[in-house]
Every structure is written in C-alpha cells, then in structure tokens.
Amino acid sequence: MSQSPATRQSPRARPLSPHLTIYRPPITMTMSIIHRITGGALYFGTLLVAWWLIAASTSQSYFDFVDGIFGSWLGRLILFGYTWALMHHMMGGIRHLVWDTGVGLEKHTASKIAWATLAASVVLTLAIWIAGYLARGA
C-alpha cells in the first residue's frame, strides 16, 4: 500500500560537513600552512638574491640596473616580503625543532608557540629593516 503525500514524512536533513564558513582553522594549522608557503617563496626570493649577486659580479651598469629595480618601491616591498618569509620560515623551523624534543605539544602550549612564531617573525623583520636603514643612513 502506498502512503498519501500528506502522510509521508520528509527525509531528515543531513548534517553539513565542516567547511570554511563554519570551521575555524586552529593557529597551529595556519602556521603550518604558512610555513610551507614561505618555504616555496624562499625559492623565488633566493633567485632574486642570486640575480643581484650576479649583477654585482658583471658590470657597474648592469648592477645599477638591478639595484635600481630592487630600490624601487615594488622591489623593496618584494624584499621586505622575502625577509619576512625568511624569518617566518626560520621561526617555524625552530618551533618544529622544539616540538621534536617532545616539548610544547600540549594544545594550549602549541597554540602559544604558534602565535609567538608569528610575532617573532614580524619583530625580527622590522628589526632587520630598521637596522638596515640606520646602517645606510637613510
């Protein structure tokens, strides 16, 4: 016997899987992802450093050309990003080295260390650039 449409029950709503509008990634996961991204960015930045060194070893005019690119606002922004990527990747490596000793693996402590990694990378980057400008006299 078939039921009438009025007596049929509608299927129960299925739960949604967590996604970015519901799920907030923990800071440790975010820092791990950024650590991998900065590792990739360091490849590009190291090519720029190599380009600058090659230009320095060729001729004065070519070095002036490359140095002019790096001295522009866009060049300095890229170099600032490279410095931050280097500092962040280094601090992430230190974080993982600490974790390899078995220290700081508790959820609360790991989150604090992840936030410290971010803060230290920003502070170190600013310190390097401030020291560079002071040494240069600009």
Protein backbone atom coordinates (compact mmCIF):
# COMPACT_ATOMS: atom_id res chain seq x y z
CA MET A 1 0.00 0.00 0.00
CA SER A 2 1.27 3.39 -0.80
CA GLN A 3 1.04 6.33 1.53
CA SER A 4 -0.56 9.55 0.55
CA PRO A 5 1.70 12.59 0.15
CA ALA A 6 0.27 14.11 3.33
CA THR A 7 1.21 11.12 5.48
CA ARG A 8 4.74 10.66 4.09
CA GLN A 9 7.49 12.10 6.24
CA SER A 10 10.12 14.21 4.61
CA PRO A 11 13.65 12.84 4.80
CA ARG A 12 15.68 14.08 7.73
CA ALA A 13 18.10 16.89 6.97
CA ARG A 14 21.64 15.58 6.77
CA PRO A 15 24.30 17.38 8.77
CA LEU A 16 26.68 19.63 6.88
CA SER A 17 30.33 18.80 6.78
CA PRO A 18 32.51 21.46 8.39
CA HIS A 19 33.79 23.94 5.84
CA LEU A 20 35.50 27.32 5.96
CA THR A 21 32.32 29.22 6.79
CA ILE A 22 31.74 27.03 9.85
CA TYR A 23 35.16 25.66 10.82
CA ARG A 24 37.85 27.99 12.13
CA PRO A 25 41.30 26.52 11.47
CA PRO A 26 43.49 26.39 14.58
CA ILE A 27 46.54 28.67 14.66
CA THR A 28 48.89 25.67 14.60
CA MET A 29 47.39 24.50 11.30
CA THR A 30 47.50 28.01 9.85
CA MET A 31 51.16 28.45 10.82
CA SER A 32 51.99 25.05 9.33
CA ILE A 33 50.40 26.06 6.02
CA ILE A 34 52.18 29.43 6.04
CA HIS A 35 55.46 27.65 6.86
CA ARG A 36 55.09 25.61 3.68
CA ILE A 37 54.13 28.67 1.62
CA THR A 38 57.11 30.68 2.90
CA GLY A 39 59.37 27.74 2.07
CA GLY A 40 58.19 27.95 -1.53
CA ALA A 41 58.52 31.75 -1.56
CA LEU A 42 62.13 31.45 -0.44
CA TYR A 43 62.97 29.71 -3.72
CA PHE A 44 61.81 32.77 -5.65
CA GLY A 45 63.50 35.22 -3.27
CA THR A 46 66.78 33.35 -3.38
CA LEU A 47 66.74 33.64 -7.16
CA LEU A 48 66.44 37.41 -6.72
CA VAL A 49 69.42 37.44 -4.34
CA ALA A 50 71.41 35.37 -6.84
CA TRP A 51 70.42 37.81 -9.62
CA TRP A 52 71.69 40.72 -7.51
CA LEU A 53 74.98 38.92 -6.77
CA ILE A 54 75.47 38.01 -10.45
CA ALA A 55 74.80 41.63 -11.39
CA ALA A 56 77.39 42.73 -8.84
CA SER A 57 79.96 40.45 -10.44
CA THR A 58 79.36 41.54 -14.04
CA SER A 59 79.42 45.26 -14.73
CA GLN A 60 78.64 48.51 -12.95
CA SER A 61 75.88 49.42 -15.39
CA TYR A 62 74.12 46.05 -15.02
CA PHE A 63 74.46 46.22 -11.23
CA ASP A 64 72.98 49.74 -11.26
CA PHE A 65 70.05 48.43 -13.33
CA VAL A 66 69.31 45.54 -10.93
CA ASP A 67 69.93 47.68 -7.87
CA GLY A 68 67.52 50.26 -9.29
CA ILE A 69 64.82 47.60 -9.58
CA PHE A 70 65.40 46.43 -6.00
CA GLY A 71 65.50 50.04 -4.82
CA SER A 72 62.08 50.86 -6.26
CA TRP A 73 59.02 50.76 -4.01
CA LEU A 74 57.93 47.46 -5.59
CA GLY A 75 61.41 45.99 -5.26
CA ARG A 76 61.62 46.99 -1.62
CA LEU A 77 58.16 45.55 -0.97
CA ILE A 78 59.26 42.24 -2.50
CA LEU A 79 62.50 42.29 -0.49
CA PHE A 80 60.52 43.07 2.68
CA GLY A 81 58.26 40.09 1.94
CA TYR A 82 61.32 37.92 1.32
CA THR A 83 62.79 39.00 4.65
CA TRP A 84 59.53 38.17 6.44
CA ALA A 85 59.28 34.80 4.67
CA LEU A 86 62.86 34.01 5.70
CA MET A 87 62.24 34.98 9.33
CA HIS A 88 58.89 33.21 9.50
CA HIS A 89 60.28 30.04 7.96
CA MET A 90 63.23 30.14 10.37
CA MET A 91 60.95 30.62 13.39
CA GLY A 92 58.72 27.79 12.15
CA GLY A 93 61.77 25.58 11.87
CA ILE A 94 62.76 26.43 15.44
CA ARG A 95 59.18 25.66 16.55
CA HIS A 96 59.39 22.25 14.91
CA LEU A 97 62.83 21.65 16.43
CA VAL A 98 61.37 22.34 19.88
CA TRP A 99 58.46 20.02 19.16
CA ASP A 100 60.90 17.31 18.03
CA THR A 101 62.25 17.25 21.59
CA GLY A 102 58.74 16.48 22.86
CA VAL A 103 58.29 19.89 24.48
CA GLY A 104 55.28 22.16 23.89
CA LEU A 105 53.00 19.61 22.26
CA GLU A 106 50.03 20.30 24.53
CA LYS A 107 47.24 22.06 22.64
CA HIS A 108 47.36 25.27 24.66
CA THR A 109 51.17 25.47 24.61
CA ALA A 110 51.39 24.64 20.89
CA SER A 111 48.97 27.50 20.15
CA LYS A 112 51.05 29.92 22.21
CA ILE A 113 54.22 28.83 20.41
CA ALA A 114 52.48 29.29 17.03
CA TRP A 115 51.44 32.85 17.94
CA ALA A 116 54.98 33.51 19.20
CA THR A 117 56.33 32.31 15.85
CA LEU A 118 54.20 34.87 14.03
CA ALA A 119 55.05 37.70 16.42
CA ALA A 120 58.77 36.92 16.37
CA SER A 121 58.87 36.83 12.57
CA VAL A 122 57.26 40.27 12.35
CA VAL A 123 59.51 41.75 15.06
CA LEU A 124 62.68 40.29 13.50
CA THR A 125 61.71 41.52 10.04
CA LEU A 126 61.10 45.05 11.30
CA ALA A 127 64.35 44.96 13.31
CA ILE A 128 66.34 43.88 10.24
CA TRP A 129 64.85 46.62 8.07
CA ILE A 130 65.26 49.30 10.74
CA ALA A 131 68.88 48.26 11.28
CA GLY A 132 69.44 48.29 7.52
CA TYR A 133 68.06 51.80 7.14
CA LEU A 134 70.05 53.04 10.13
CA ALA A 135 73.27 51.47 8.81
CA ARG A 136 72.63 53.01 5.41
CA GLY A 137 71.99 56.43 6.90
CA ALA A 138 68.64 56.85 5.13
